[in-house]
Amino acid sequence: MNRLLQDSRFRLILAANIASSIGSGITMIAIPWLLVTSNNGDAVFGYVTLCMTLLSFILTPFVGHLVDRVSRKKILLVSQTISLLMLIVFTVWGFAGATYEVWHFMMIYTIGSLYYTFFYPTMFALNQEIFSKEQYNSLNGTMEIQGQLSSMIAGGVASVLITKWDLHYILLLDACTYIAAIYFYWKLPYERKIAQKSRESAKKNGAEGINYLWKRPVLFIFLLVSTMPFIGVMLTNYLFPVYVKDVLKASGSVYALENMIYAMGAIVAGAIIPIVSKKIGNEKTIIVSVVLYTIVISLIIHVNLPVYLAIMFFIAIGNSGVRVARNSFLMEWIPNDIIGRVDGVFRSIGLLIRVVLLATFTGMVSSGFLPLCFISLSGLLFVSSIAVFLTWKKGFEKDRVVMENDLFVTNKSM
C-alpha cells in the first residue's frame, strides 16, 4: 500500500477517479430517482435501463478492441471530454430557465452509462499495464476503497441535494468534477508498453479474446459464473429504487442512504479482501464472496426497512470481494495485449444476460410481481454459487500451464 501511494501515477489516477466518481455518482443517484418518481416512472426507468444495457452490449466488443489498440490514457481523456461537453449542454438548458422533461433525464442517464462503458475496461487495462504483478491485490483493493468511498460521499451529498437543489446545479457540480478529472489524467505520465507486433495483432484479430478462452473452458466457466454478483448489482440498480418506493414506502433520502451503507461495506471489502486473498488465494476468495452475496440477496424480500439497509453492507462485501479478487486473478494471468478483448468477452456475455433479465423483470414489475424478481435472481445466484465451486474443484491446472507460457512469451516480446 505504501509503495502504491508513493507512486505519482497512482496518486494522479486516484485523484482523477475520486473527482469524476463523486460528481457522476451524485448525478446517477439523482436521475434514477427523478425517473422513478415521474409519471409511470417505474416502467420508464426499467426500459431506459434495458435500452442502455443493450447499447452497452453492442459497444463492448468495440471498446475491448479499442483498449488493446489505442493509448488507454487517450481513451480516458476523450471519453471524459465528450461527457463533459454533453453535460454542459444540459446544464445550460437548466440555467436558461427551461423545464427538464423525462427525455432529458433519459439523455443524462445515457451519458453516464456510456461513460462507464468506456471507463471501467480502460481503467482496468491501464492499471494492469503500468503497475507490477506484486501490486495487483493492493491495487484492486485500494481502487475498490476509492470507488466506494466516492460513492459513499456521493450518496451522502445526494441525500441532501435531491431535495434541496435543482437539477441544473447538480449537473454543474458534475461538470466541474469532470474538468478536475481531465486535468489529472492529462498530467499522468504514460507511455504505451505493448509491442508493435501486439498492436498489429489487435488490429487483425478482434476475436482473440474468444479464441483465448475457447482453449481454456474450465477457466472460462469459472470466470463467467463469478460475474453473477456484479450482474445482480446492475439488476438491483433498477429493482432497489422501485422496491424502496413501492414496497418499503420510503423517500429518496432513504435510497441515497442505502447507497452510502453499500459503499461502507465495499470499503471494508477493499481493505480486507487483499489480505484474505494472500492467505487463501484469489480463487477461494471469489467462491466465498459469491456465496455470501447469494445468501444476503435472498433475504431482501423477508425483512423490514432497518434490516434492509443493514443487509446492503453485506451485499457490498460479497460483490466487492468478488470484484477485487477476480480483477487480481485476471491481471495476474491474462496478457496485457489481449486483456481488453478477454475482459470484453465477459462484459458482453454479462450485458446479454442483463438485457434478458431486465426485459423480464421490467415486465414483472409492471405487472406487480416485484418480489418474484428477487426470488428469480436468488435462484440464478444459487446456481452460480454451485458452478463456481465445481469449476474450482475440477481445477484448471492445465489452463495455468498454458497461461504461464503465454505470459512468458508476452513479456519476452515487450
Foldseek 3Di string as FASTA:
>chain_A
DVVQVVDLLNVLQLLLLLLLLLLLLLLLLLLLLVQCPDDVSLLVSLVLLLVLLVVLLVCLLVLLLCLLADDLLVLLLVLLVVLLVVLVVVLVCVVVPHDDDNVNSSVNNSSSSVSVSNPPLSVLLVCLQPDDLVCQLLSLLVVLLSNLVSNLSSLVVSLPCSPPPDVSVSSVSSSVSSVSSSVSSVPNDDDDDADPVLNVCSVVDSCVLVVLCVVQVLVVLLLQLLCLLVLVVSLVSSLVSCCCCPPQVDDSSLVSLLSNLLSVLSNVLSVCLSVVCVVPNLLVQSLVLLVQLLVLLLCQVVDHSVVNSVSSSSNSNSNSSNVSSSSSVLSNQPDSSNSSSNVSVSSSVSSVVSSVLSVVQSVCVVVPNSVVSSVVSSVSSVVSSVSNVVSVVVPRPVSRVVSVVVNVVRVVSD
